[in-house]
PDB file of N, CA and C in Angstrom:
ATOM      1  N   MET A   1      -0.459   8.393  15.975  1.00  0.00           N
ATOM      2  CA  MET A   1      -1.506   8.922  16.819  1.00  0.00           C
ATOM      3  C   MET A   1      -0.926   9.252  18.187  1.00  0.00           C
ATOM      4  N   ASN A   2      -1.369  10.346  18.725  1.00  0.00           N
ATOM      5  CA  ASN A   2      -0.916  10.753  20.053  1.00  0.00           C
ATOM      6  C   ASN A   2      -1.778  10.104  21.126  1.00  0.00           C
ATOM      7  N   THR A   3      -1.151   9.770  22.212  1.00  0.00           N
ATOM      8  CA  THR A   3      -1.856   9.183  23.348  1.00  0.00           C
ATOM      9  C   THR A   3      -1.904  10.207  24.468  1.00  0.00           C
ATOM     10  N   VAL A   4      -3.055  10.285  25.125  1.00  0.00           N
ATOM     11  CA  VAL A   4      -3.212  11.217  26.240  1.00  0.00           C
ATOM     12  C   VAL A   4      -3.974  10.517  27.361  1.00  0.00           C
ATOM     13  N   ALA A   5      -3.466  10.658  28.567  1.00  0.00           N
ATOM     14  CA  ALA A   5      -4.161  10.095  29.734  1.00  0.00           C
ATOM     15  C   ALA A   5      -5.423  10.920  29.986  1.00  0.00           C
ATOM     16  N   ILE A   6      -6.437  10.274  30.484  1.00  0.00           N
ATOM     17  CA  ILE A   6      -7.703  10.967  30.707  1.00  0.00           C
ATOM     18  C   ILE A   6      -7.541  12.163  31.655  1.00  0.00           C
ATOM     19  N   SER A   7      -6.639  12.043  32.634  1.00  0.00           N
ATOM     20  CA  SER A   7      -6.413  13.170  33.548  1.00  0.00           C
ATOM     21  C   SER A   7      -5.812  14.363  32.806  1.00  0.00           C
ATOM     22  N   ASP A   8      -4.898  14.097  31.867  1.00  0.00           N
ATOM     23  CA  ASP A   8      -4.325  15.168  31.050  1.00  0.00           C
ATOM     24  C   ASP A   8      -5.362  15.733  30.084  1.00  0.00           C
ATOM     25  N   LEU A   9      -6.224  14.886  29.604  1.00  0.00           N
ATOM     26  CA  LEU A   9      -7.296  15.340  28.724  1.00  0.00           C
ATOM     27  C   LEU A   9      -8.177  16.345  29.443  1.00  0.00           C
ATOM     28  N   ARG A  10      -8.556  16.019  30.666  1.00  0.00           N
ATOM     29  CA  ARG A  10      -9.391  16.927  31.457  1.00  0.00           C
ATOM     30  C   ARG A  10      -8.706  18.279  31.646  1.00  0.00           C
ATOM     31  N   SER A  11      -7.423  18.237  31.950  1.00  0.00           N
ATOM     32  CA  SER A  11      -6.677  19.466  32.227  1.00  0.00           C
ATOM     33  C   SER A  11      -6.472  20.328  30.993  1.00  0.00           C
ATOM     34  N   ASN A  12      -6.359  19.696  29.836  1.00  0.00           N
ATOM     35  CA  ASN A  12      -5.994  20.410  28.609  1.00  0.00           C
ATOM     36  C   ASN A  12      -7.050  20.308  27.511  1.00  0.00           C
ATOM     37  N   LEU A  13      -8.280  20.078  27.893  1.00  0.00           N
ATOM     38  CA  LEU A  13      -9.326  19.802  26.909  1.00  0.00           C
ATOM     39  C   LEU A  13      -9.439  20.880  25.826  1.00  0.00           C
ATOM     40  N   PRO A  14      -9.542  22.157  26.146  1.00  0.00           N
ATOM     41  CA  PRO A  14      -9.693  23.149  25.067  1.00  0.00           C
ATOM     42  C   PRO A  14      -8.535  23.122  24.060  1.00  0.00           C
ATOM     43  N   THR A  15      -7.326  23.027  24.558  1.00  0.00           N
ATOM     44  CA  THR A  15      -6.153  22.998  23.681  1.00  0.00           C
ATOM     45  C   THR A  15      -6.141  21.747  22.820  1.00  0.00           C
ATOM     46  N   LEU A  16      -6.425  20.606  23.416  1.00  0.00           N
ATOM     47  CA  LEU A  16      -6.414  19.343  22.675  1.00  0.00           C
ATOM     48  C   LEU A  16      -7.522  19.306  21.624  1.00  0.00           C
ATOM     49  N   ILE A  17      -8.694  19.821  21.963  1.00  0.00           N
ATOM     50  CA  ILE A  17      -9.791  19.861  20.998  1.00  0.00           C
ATOM     51  C   ILE A  17      -9.418  20.769  19.829  1.00  0.00           C
ATOM     52  N   GLN A  18      -8.765  21.870  20.122  1.00  0.00           N
ATOM     53  CA  GLN A  18      -8.325  22.776  19.060  1.00  0.00           C
ATOM     54  C   GLN A  18      -7.321  22.073  18.134  1.00  0.00           C
ATOM     55  N   GLN A  19      -6.390  21.343  18.710  1.00  0.00           N
ATOM     56  CA  GLN A  19      -5.402  20.613  17.904  1.00  0.00           C
ATOM     57  C   GLN A  19      -6.079  19.563  17.026  1.00  0.00           C
ATOM     58  N   VAL A  20      -7.023  18.863  17.589  1.00  0.00           N
ATOM     59  CA  VAL A  20      -7.739  17.834  16.830  1.00  0.00           C
ATOM     60  C   VAL A  20      -8.532  18.485  15.698  1.00  0.00           C
ATOM     61  N   SER A  21      -9.183  19.566  16.004  1.00  0.00           N
ATOM     62  CA  SER A  21     -10.027  20.240  15.030  1.00  0.00           C
ATOM     63  C   SER A  21      -9.223  20.919  13.931  1.00  0.00           C
ATOM     64  N   GLU A  22      -8.196  21.662  14.299  1.00  0.00           N
ATOM     65  CA  GLU A  22      -7.461  22.472  13.323  1.00  0.00           C
ATOM     66  C   GLU A  22      -6.301  21.727  12.667  1.00  0.00           C
ATOM     67  N   ASP A  23      -5.614  20.894  13.415  1.00  0.00           N
ATOM     68  CA  ASP A  23      -4.428  20.213  12.900  1.00  0.00           C
ATOM     69  C   ASP A  23      -4.714  18.776  12.459  1.00  0.00           C
ATOM     70  N   LEU A  24      -5.965  18.360  12.583  1.00  0.00           N
ATOM     71  CA  LEU A  24      -6.387  16.999  12.246  1.00  0.00           C
ATOM     72  C   LEU A  24      -5.594  15.932  12.991  1.00  0.00           C
ATOM     73  N   LYS A  25      -5.178  16.268  14.218  1.00  0.00           N
ATOM     74  CA  LYS A  25      -4.521  15.267  15.052  1.00  0.00           C
ATOM     75  C   LYS A  25      -5.562  14.280  15.547  1.00  0.00           C
ATOM     76  N   ARG A  26      -5.107  13.103  15.835  1.00  0.00           N
ATOM     77  CA  ARG A  26      -5.959  12.084  16.450  1.00  0.00           C
ATOM     78  C   ARG A  26      -5.415  11.820  17.836  1.00  0.00           C
ATOM     79  N   LEU A  27      -6.298  11.597  18.764  1.00  0.00           N
ATOM     80  CA  LEU A  27      -5.884  11.311  20.130  1.00  0.00           C
ATOM     81  C   LEU A  27      -6.459   9.983  20.581  1.00  0.00           C
ATOM     82  N   ILE A  28      -5.638   9.202  21.238  1.00  0.00           N
ATOM     83  CA  ILE A  28      -6.091   7.992  21.919  1.00  0.00           C
ATOM     84  C   ILE A  28      -6.115   8.331  23.397  1.00  0.00           C
ATOM     85  N   VAL A  29      -7.267   8.182  24.009  1.00  0.00           N
ATOM     86  CA  VAL A  29      -7.418   8.480  25.428  1.00  0.00           C
ATOM     87  C   VAL A  29      -7.215   7.193  26.214  1.00  0.00           C
ATOM     88  N   THR A  30      -6.322   7.283  27.196  1.00  0.00           N
ATOM     89  CA  THR A  30      -6.061   6.105  28.022  1.00  0.00           C
ATOM     90  C   THR A  30      -6.644   6.298  29.424  1.00  0.00           C
ATOM     91  N   VAL A  31      -7.064   5.201  29.983  1.00  0.00           N
ATOM     92  CA  VAL A  31      -7.538   5.166  31.366  1.00  0.00           C
ATOM     93  C   VAL A  31      -6.745   4.058  32.038  1.00  0.00           C
ATOM     94  N   GLY A  32      -6.009   4.426  33.056  1.00  0.00           N
ATOM     95  CA  GLY A  32      -5.165   3.444  33.728  1.00  0.00           C
ATOM     96  C   GLY A  32      -4.109   2.879  32.800  1.00  0.00           C
ATOM     97  N   GLY A  33      -3.669   3.674  31.835  1.00  0.00           N
ATOM     98  CA  GLY A  33      -2.642   3.240  30.900  1.00  0.00           C
ATOM     99  C   GLY A  33      -3.137   2.400  29.737  1.00  0.00           C
ATOM    100  N   LYS A  34      -4.447   2.135  29.698  1.00  0.00           N
ATOM    101  CA  LYS A  34      -5.010   1.314  28.618  1.00  0.00           C
ATOM    102  C   LYS A  34      -5.838   2.181  27.669  1.00  0.00           C
ATOM    103  N   PRO A  35      -5.673   2.000  26.363  1.00  0.00           N
ATOM    104  CA  PRO A  35      -6.468   2.762  25.398  1.00  0.00           C
ATOM    105  C   PRO A  35      -7.954   2.470  25.564  1.00  0.00           C
ATOM    106  N   LYS A  36      -8.751   3.528  25.663  1.00  0.00           N
ATOM    107  CA  LYS A  36     -10.190   3.350  25.882  1.00  0.00           C
ATOM    108  C   LYS A  36     -11.048   4.079  24.862  1.00  0.00           C
ATOM    109  N   ALA A  37     -10.531   5.172  24.256  1.00  0.00           N
ATOM    110  CA  ALA A  37     -11.337   5.950  23.321  1.00  0.00           C
ATOM    111  C   ALA A  37     -10.416   6.701  22.364  1.00  0.00           C
ATOM    112  N   ALA A  38     -11.014   7.175  21.291  1.00  0.00           N
ATOM    113  CA  ALA A  38     -10.279   7.984  20.327  1.00  0.00           C
ATOM    114  C   ALA A  38     -11.031   9.287  20.109  1.00  0.00           C
ATOM    115  N   ILE A  39     -10.270  10.344  19.872  1.00  0.00           N
ATOM    116  CA  ILE A  39     -10.868  11.634  19.561  1.00  0.00           C
ATOM    117  C   ILE A  39     -10.338  12.042  18.190  1.00  0.00           C
ATOM    118  N   ILE A  40     -11.268  12.299  17.258  1.00  0.00           N
ATOM    119  CA  ILE A  40     -10.909  12.764  15.926  1.00  0.00           C
ATOM    120  C   ILE A  40     -11.774  13.980  15.609  1.00  0.00           C
ATOM    121  N   SER A  41     -11.372  14.739  14.596  1.00  0.00           N
ATOM    122  CA  SER A  41     -12.139  15.921  14.228  1.00  0.00           C
ATOM    123  C   SER A  41     -13.477  15.520  13.617  1.00  0.00           C
ATOM    124  N   LEU A  42     -14.408  16.428  13.669  1.00  0.00           N
ATOM    125  CA  LEU A  42     -15.715  16.184  13.071  1.00  0.00           C
ATOM    126  C   LEU A  42     -15.584  15.999  11.564  1.00  0.00           C
ATOM    127  N   ASP A  43     -14.713  16.778  10.925  1.00  0.00           N
ATOM    128  CA  ASP A  43     -14.494  16.628   9.481  1.00  0.00           C
ATOM    129  C   ASP A  43     -14.010  15.226   9.145  1.00  0.00           C
ATOM    130  N   GLU A  44     -13.071  14.719   9.940  1.00  0.00           N
ATOM    131  CA  GLU A  44     -12.552  13.385   9.683  1.00  0.00           C
ATOM    132  C   GLU A  44     -13.624  12.318   9.906  1.00  0.00           C
ATOM    133  N   LEU A  45     -14.425  12.478  10.943  1.00  0.00           N
ATOM    134  CA  LEU A  45     -15.505  11.532  11.194  1.00  0.00           C
ATOM    135  C   LEU A  45     -16.480  11.506  10.024  1.00  0.00           C
ATOM    136  N   GLU A  46     -16.871  12.681   9.544  1.00  0.00           N
ATOM    137  CA  GLU A  46     -17.805  12.746   8.421  1.00  0.00           C
ATOM    138  C   GLU A  46     -17.205  12.105   7.178  1.00  0.00           C
ATOM    139  N   SER A  47     -15.914  12.322   6.951  1.00  0.00           N
ATOM    140  CA  SER A  47     -15.235  11.719   5.808  1.00  0.00           C
ATOM    141  C   SER A  47     -15.226  10.198   5.917  1.00  0.00           C
ATOM    142  N   LEU A  48     -14.933   9.691   7.100  1.00  0.00           N
ATOM    143  CA  LEU A  48     -14.933   8.238   7.321  1.00  0.00           C
ATOM    144  C   LEU A  48     -16.320   7.642   7.105  1.00  0.00           C
ATOM    145  N   GLU A  49     -17.351   8.348   7.580  1.00  0.00           N
ATOM    146  CA  GLU A  49     -18.722   7.862   7.408  1.00  0.00           C
ATOM    147  C   GLU A  49     -19.119   7.847   5.937  1.00  0.00           C
ATOM    148  N   GLU A  50     -18.737   8.890   5.195  1.00  0.00           N
ATOM    149  CA  GLU A  50     -19.043   8.941   3.767  1.00  0.00           C
ATOM    150  C   GLU A  50     -18.327   7.815   3.018  1.00  0.00           C
ATOM    151  N   THR A  51     -17.069   7.578   3.370  1.00  0.00           N
ATOM    152  CA  THR A  51     -16.308   6.508   2.730  1.00  0.00           C
ATOM    153  C   THR A  51     -16.952   5.156   3.017  1.00  0.00           C
ATOM    154  N   ALA A  52     -17.339   4.936   4.255  1.00  0.00           N
ATOM    155  CA  ALA A  52     -17.992   3.666   4.614  1.00  0.00           C
ATOM    156  C   ALA A  52     -19.297   3.493   3.845  1.00  0.00           C
ATOM    157  N   GLU A  53     -20.045   4.573   3.676  1.00  0.00           N
ATOM    158  CA  GLU A  53     -21.303   4.493   2.936  1.00  0.00           C
ATOM    159  C   GLU A  53     -21.052   4.132   1.473  1.00  0.00           C
ATOM    160  N   VAL A  54     -20.095   4.803   0.846  1.00  0.00           N
ATOM    161  CA  VAL A  54     -19.776   4.515  -0.554  1.00  0.00           C
ATOM    162  C   VAL A  54     -19.319   3.072  -0.703  1.00  0.00           C
ATOM    163  N   LEU A  55     -18.457   2.619   0.194  1.00  0.00           N
ATOM    164  CA  LEU A  55     -17.923   1.261   0.098  1.00  0.00           C
ATOM    165  C   LEU A  55     -18.959   0.184   0.413  1.00  0.00           C
ATOM    166  N   SER A  56     -20.103   0.587   0.938  1.00  0.00           N
ATOM    167  CA  SER A  56     -21.137  -0.397   1.250  1.00  0.00           C
ATOM    168  C   SER A  56     -21.878  -0.860  -0.007  1.00  0.00           C
ATOM    169  N   PHE A  57     -21.717  -0.136  -1.118  1.00  0.00           N
ATOM    170  CA  PHE A  57     -22.345  -0.569  -2.366  1.00  0.00           C
ATOM    171  C   PHE A  57     -21.570  -1.763  -2.905  1.00  0.00           C
ATOM    172  N   PRO A  58     -22.263  -2.838  -3.251  1.00  0.00           N
ATOM    173  CA  PRO A  58     -21.598  -4.094  -3.602  1.00  0.00           C
ATOM    174  C   PRO A  58     -20.559  -4.004  -4.722  1.00  0.00           C
ATOM    175  N   ASP A  59     -20.835  -3.280  -5.787  1.00  0.00           N
ATOM    176  CA  ASP A  59     -19.940  -3.293  -6.944  1.00  0.00           C
ATOM    177  C   ASP A  59     -19.044  -2.061  -7.030  1.00  0.00           C
ATOM    178  N   ILE A  60     -18.994  -1.266  -5.988  1.00  0.00           N
ATOM    179  CA  ILE A  60     -18.291   0.011  -6.070  1.00  0.00           C
ATOM    180  C   ILE A  60     -16.790  -0.153  -6.292  1.00  0.00           C
ATOM    181  N   ILE A  61     -16.171  -1.131  -5.673  1.00  0.00           N
ATOM    182  CA  ILE A  61     -14.720  -1.314  -5.816  1.00  0.00           C
ATOM    183  C   ILE A  61     -14.378  -1.610  -7.275  1.00  0.00           C
ATOM    184  N   GLU A  62     -15.118  -2.513  -7.893  1.00  0.00           N
ATOM    185  CA  GLU A  62     -14.861  -2.831  -9.303  1.00  0.00           C
ATOM    186  C   GLU A  62     -15.136  -1.626 -10.186  1.00  0.00           C
ATOM    187  N   THR A  63     -16.160  -0.862  -9.887  1.00  0.00           N
ATOM    188  CA  THR A  63     -16.466   0.341 -10.659  1.00  0.00           C
ATOM    189  C   THR A  63     -15.339   1.358 -10.551  1.00  0.00           C
ATOM    190  N   ILE A  64     -14.790   1.523  -9.362  1.00  0.00           N
ATOM    191  CA  ILE A  64     -13.667   2.453  -9.160  1.00  0.00           C
ATOM    192  C   ILE A  64     -12.444   1.979  -9.942  1.00  0.00           C
ATOM    193  N   LYS A  65     -12.153   0.691  -9.886  1.00  0.00           N
ATOM    194  CA  LYS A  65     -11.016   0.143 -10.629  1.00  0.00           C
ATOM    195  C   LYS A  65     -11.195   0.350 -12.137  1.00  0.00           C
ATOM    196  N   LYS A  66     -12.403   0.108 -12.619  1.00  0.00           N
ATOM    197  CA  LYS A  66     -12.693   0.297 -14.036  1.00  0.00           C
ATOM    198  C   LYS A  66     -12.497   1.760 -14.429  1.00  0.00           C
ATOM    199  N   SER A  67     -12.958   2.671 -13.593  1.00  0.00           N
ATOM    200  CA  SER A  67     -12.807   4.100 -13.863  1.00  0.00           C
ATOM    201  C   SER A  67     -11.339   4.501 -13.918  1.00  0.00           C
ATOM    202  N   LYS A  68     -10.535   3.962 -13.016  1.00  0.00           N
ATOM    203  CA  LYS A  68      -9.098   4.260 -13.022  1.00  0.00           C
ATOM    204  C   LYS A  68      -8.445   3.774 -14.310  1.00  0.00           C
ATOM    205  N   ARG A  69      -8.843   2.587 -14.788  1.00  0.00           N
ATOM    206  CA  ARG A  69      -8.296   2.064 -16.040  1.00  0.00           C
ATOM    207  C   ARG A  69      -8.683   2.967 -17.214  1.00  0.00           C
ATOM    208  N   GLN A  70      -9.920   3.435 -17.206  1.00  0.00           N
ATOM    209  CA  GLN A  70     -10.381   4.313 -18.278  1.00  0.00           C
ATOM    210  C   GLN A  70      -9.614   5.641 -18.264  1.00  0.00           C
ATOM    211  N   ILE A  71      -9.368   6.162 -17.102  1.00  0.00           N
ATOM    212  CA  ILE A  71      -8.617   7.419 -16.992  1.00  0.00           C
ATOM    213  C   ILE A  71      -7.204   7.241 -17.538  1.00  0.00           C
ATOM    214  N   LYS A  72      -6.557   6.130 -17.168  1.00  0.00           N
ATOM    215  CA  LYS A  72      -5.200   5.867 -17.672  1.00  0.00           C
ATOM    216  C   LYS A  72      -5.173   5.775 -19.195  1.00  0.00           C
ATOM    217  N   LYS A  73      -6.240   5.248 -19.785  1.00  0.00           N
ATOM    218  CA  LYS A  73      -6.315   5.108 -21.243  1.00  0.00           C
ATOM    219  C   LYS A  73      -6.771   6.406 -21.919  1.00  0.00           C
ATOM    220  N   GLY A  74      -7.128   7.400 -21.123  1.00  0.00           N
ATOM    221  CA  GLY A  74      -7.610   8.657 -21.696  1.00  0.00           C
ATOM    222  C   GLY A  74      -9.070   8.600 -22.112  1.00  0.00           C
ATOM    223  N   GLU A  75      -9.783   7.623 -21.617  1.00  0.00           N
ATOM    224  CA  GLU A  75     -11.196   7.446 -21.963  1.00  0.00           C
ATOM    225  C   GLU A  75     -12.078   8.218 -20.993  1.00  0.00           C
ATOM    226  N   PHE A  76     -12.075   9.532 -21.144  1.00  0.00           N
ATOM    227  CA  PHE A  76     -12.889  10.373 -20.280  1.00  0.00           C
ATOM    228  C   PHE A  76     -13.153  11.695 -20.969  1.00  0.00           C
ATOM    229  N   ILE A  77     -14.076  12.463 -20.439  1.00  0.00           N
ATOM    230  CA  ILE A  77     -14.398  13.796 -20.933  1.00  0.00           C
ATOM    231  C   ILE A  77     -13.927  14.792 -19.877  1.00  0.00           C
ATOM    232  N   SER A  78     -13.165  15.791 -20.302  1.00  0.00           N
ATOM    233  CA  SER A  78     -12.690  16.792 -19.340  1.00  0.00           C
ATOM    234  C   SER A  78     -13.865  17.621 -18.850  1.00  0.00           C
ATOM    235  N   ILE A  79     -13.701  18.229 -17.701  1.00  0.00           N
ATOM    236  CA  ILE A  79     -14.779  19.054 -17.140  1.00  0.00           C
ATOM    237  C   ILE A  79     -15.091  20.225 -18.063  1.00  0.00           C
ATOM    238  N   GLY A  80     -14.055  20.773 -18.711  1.00  0.00           N
ATOM    239  CA  GLY A  80     -14.267  21.863 -19.649  1.00  0.00           C
ATOM    240  C   GLY A  80     -15.123  21.439 -20.833  1.00  0.00           C
ATOM    241  N   ASP A  81     -14.820  20.265 -21.413  1.00  0.00           N
ATOM    242  CA  ASP A  81     -15.604  19.741 -22.526  1.00  0.00           C
ATOM    243  C   ASP A  81     -17.024  19.412 -22.098  1.00  0.00           C
ATOM    244  N   LEU A  82     -17.173  18.905 -20.913  1.00  0.00           N
ATOM    245  CA  LEU A  82     -18.489  18.579 -20.377  1.00  0.00           C
ATOM    246  C   LEU A  82     -19.336  19.841 -20.233  1.00  0.00           C
ATOM    247  N   LYS A  83     -18.718  20.906 -19.731  1.00  0.00           N
ATOM    248  CA  LYS A  83     -19.432  22.187 -19.586  1.00  0.00           C
ATOM    249  C   LYS A  83     -19.854  22.739 -20.947  1.00  0.00           C
ATOM    250  N   LYS A  84     -18.950  22.629 -21.928  1.00  0.00           N
ATOM    251  CA  LYS A  84     -19.278  23.096 -23.285  1.00  0.00           C
ATOM    252  C   LYS A  84     -20.441  22.298 -23.860  1.00  0.00           C
ATOM    253  N   LYS A  85     -20.369  20.988 -23.685  1.00  0.00           N
ATOM    254  CA  LYS A  85     -21.383  20.113 -24.257  1.00  0.00           C
ATOM    255  C   LYS A  85     -22.773  20.422 -23.700  1.00  0.00           C
ATOM    256  N   TYR A  86     -22.834  20.732 -22.422  1.00  0.00           N
ATOM    257  CA  TYR A  86     -24.131  20.958 -21.780  1.00  0.00           C
ATOM    258  C   TYR A  86     -24.376  22.433 -21.459  1.00  0.00           C
ATOM    259  N   CYS A  87     -23.574  23.298 -22.092  1.00  0.00           N
ATOM    260  CA  CYS A  87     -23.733  24.765 -21.949  1.00  0.00           C
ATOM    261  C   CYS A  87     -23.803  25.207 -20.487  1.00  0.00           C
ATOM    262  N   LEU A  88     -22.888  24.719 -19.692  1.00  0.00           N
ATOM    263  CA  LEU A  88     -22.869  25.087 -18.273  1.00  0.00           C
ATOM    264  C   LEU A  88     -21.910  26.231 -18.027  1.00  0.00           C
TER     265      LEU A  88
END
Protein backbone atom coordinates (compact mmCIF):
# COMPACT_ATOMS: atom_id res chain seq x y z
CA MET A 1 0.00 0.00 0.00
CA ASN A 2 1.21 3.47 -0.80
CA THR A 3 1.40 6.11 1.88
CA VAL A 4 0.63 9.75 1.20
CA ALA A 5 0.82 12.73 3.54
CA ILE A 6 -2.41 14.67 3.79
CA SER A 7 -0.69 17.77 2.37
CA ASP A 8 0.37 15.77 -0.71
CA LEU A 9 -3.12 14.35 -0.96
CA ARG A 10 -4.58 17.84 -1.12
CA SER A 11 -2.11 18.88 -3.81
CA ASN A 12 -2.56 15.78 -5.97
CA LEU A 13 -6.12 14.72 -5.23
CA PRO A 14 -7.40 14.32 -8.82
CA THR A 15 -4.38 12.25 -9.87
CA LEU A 16 -4.43 10.09 -6.75
CA ILE A 17 -8.17 9.46 -7.04
CA GLN A 18 -7.67 8.43 -10.65
CA GLN A 19 -4.92 5.99 -9.64
CA VAL A 20 -7.09 4.51 -6.91
CA SER A 21 -10.07 4.21 -9.21
CA GLU A 22 -8.37 2.92 -12.36
CA ASP A 23 -5.30 1.09 -11.05
CA LEU A 24 -6.93 -0.25 -7.86
CA LYS A 25 -4.17 1.30 -5.78
CA ARG A 26 -4.75 1.73 -2.09
CA LEU A 27 -3.58 4.79 -0.23
CA ILE A 28 -2.87 5.27 3.44
CA VAL A 29 -3.25 8.92 4.38
CA THR A 30 -0.94 10.15 7.10
CA VAL A 31 -1.33 13.16 9.33
CA GLY A 32 1.80 14.20 11.16
CA GLY A 33 3.47 11.02 9.92
CA LYS A 34 0.83 8.75 11.49
CA PRO A 35 -1.62 6.65 9.45
CA LYS A 36 -5.11 8.08 9.86
CA ALA A 37 -7.23 6.92 6.89
CA ALA A 38 -7.30 4.70 3.84
CA ILE A 39 -8.53 5.44 0.35
CA ILE A 40 -9.71 2.54 -1.82
CA SER A 41 -11.74 2.38 -5.02
CA LEU A 42 -15.50 2.18 -4.86
CA ASP A 43 -15.37 -1.19 -6.66
CA GLU A 44 -13.05 -2.57 -4.01
CA LEU A 45 -15.22 -1.24 -1.19
CA GLU A 46 -18.32 -2.84 -2.69
CA SER A 47 -16.44 -6.13 -3.11
CA LEU A 48 -15.30 -6.06 0.52
CA GLU A 49 -18.84 -5.31 1.70
CA GLU A 50 -20.27 -8.17 -0.37
CA THR A 51 -17.63 -10.56 0.97
CA ALA A 52 -18.36 -9.51 4.55
CA GLU A 53 -22.08 -10.04 3.97
CA VAL A 54 -21.58 -13.53 2.53
CA LEU A 55 -19.21 -14.49 5.34
CA SER A 56 -21.75 -13.36 7.93
CA PHE A 57 -23.87 -16.46 7.21
CA PRO A 58 -23.04 -19.00 9.92
CA ASP A 59 -22.46 -22.10 7.78
CA ILE A 60 -21.08 -20.47 4.64
CA ILE A 61 -17.43 -21.47 5.18
CA GLU A 62 -18.32 -25.16 5.52
CA THR A 63 -20.62 -24.92 2.51
CA ILE A 64 -17.82 -23.39 0.42
CA LYS A 65 -15.39 -26.11 1.53
CA LYS A 66 -17.94 -28.80 0.68
CA SER A 67 -18.49 -27.26 -2.76
CA LYS A 68 -14.74 -27.22 -3.44
CA ARG A 69 -14.51 -30.92 -2.52
CA GLN A 70 -17.40 -31.71 -4.86
CA ILE A 71 -15.76 -29.80 -7.71
CA LYS A 72 -12.49 -31.69 -7.22
CA LYS A 73 -14.42 -34.98 -7.40
CA GLY A 74 -16.24 -33.85 -10.55
CA GLU A 75 -19.58 -33.77 -8.74
CA PHE A 76 -21.11 -30.84 -10.56
CA ILE A 77 -23.17 -29.89 -13.61
CA SER A 78 -21.49 -27.73 -16.24
CA ILE A 79 -23.17 -24.48 -17.20
CA GLY A 80 -23.73 -25.86 -20.70
CA ASP A 81 -25.51 -28.96 -19.35
CA LEU A 82 -27.53 -26.81 -16.98
CA LYS A 83 -28.68 -24.60 -19.87
CA LYS A 84 -29.65 -27.68 -21.91
CA LYS A 85 -31.54 -29.18 -19.00
CA TYR A 86 -33.60 -26.05 -18.42
CA CYS A 87 -33.75 -24.93 -22.08
CA LEU A 88 -31.97 -21.65 -21.41
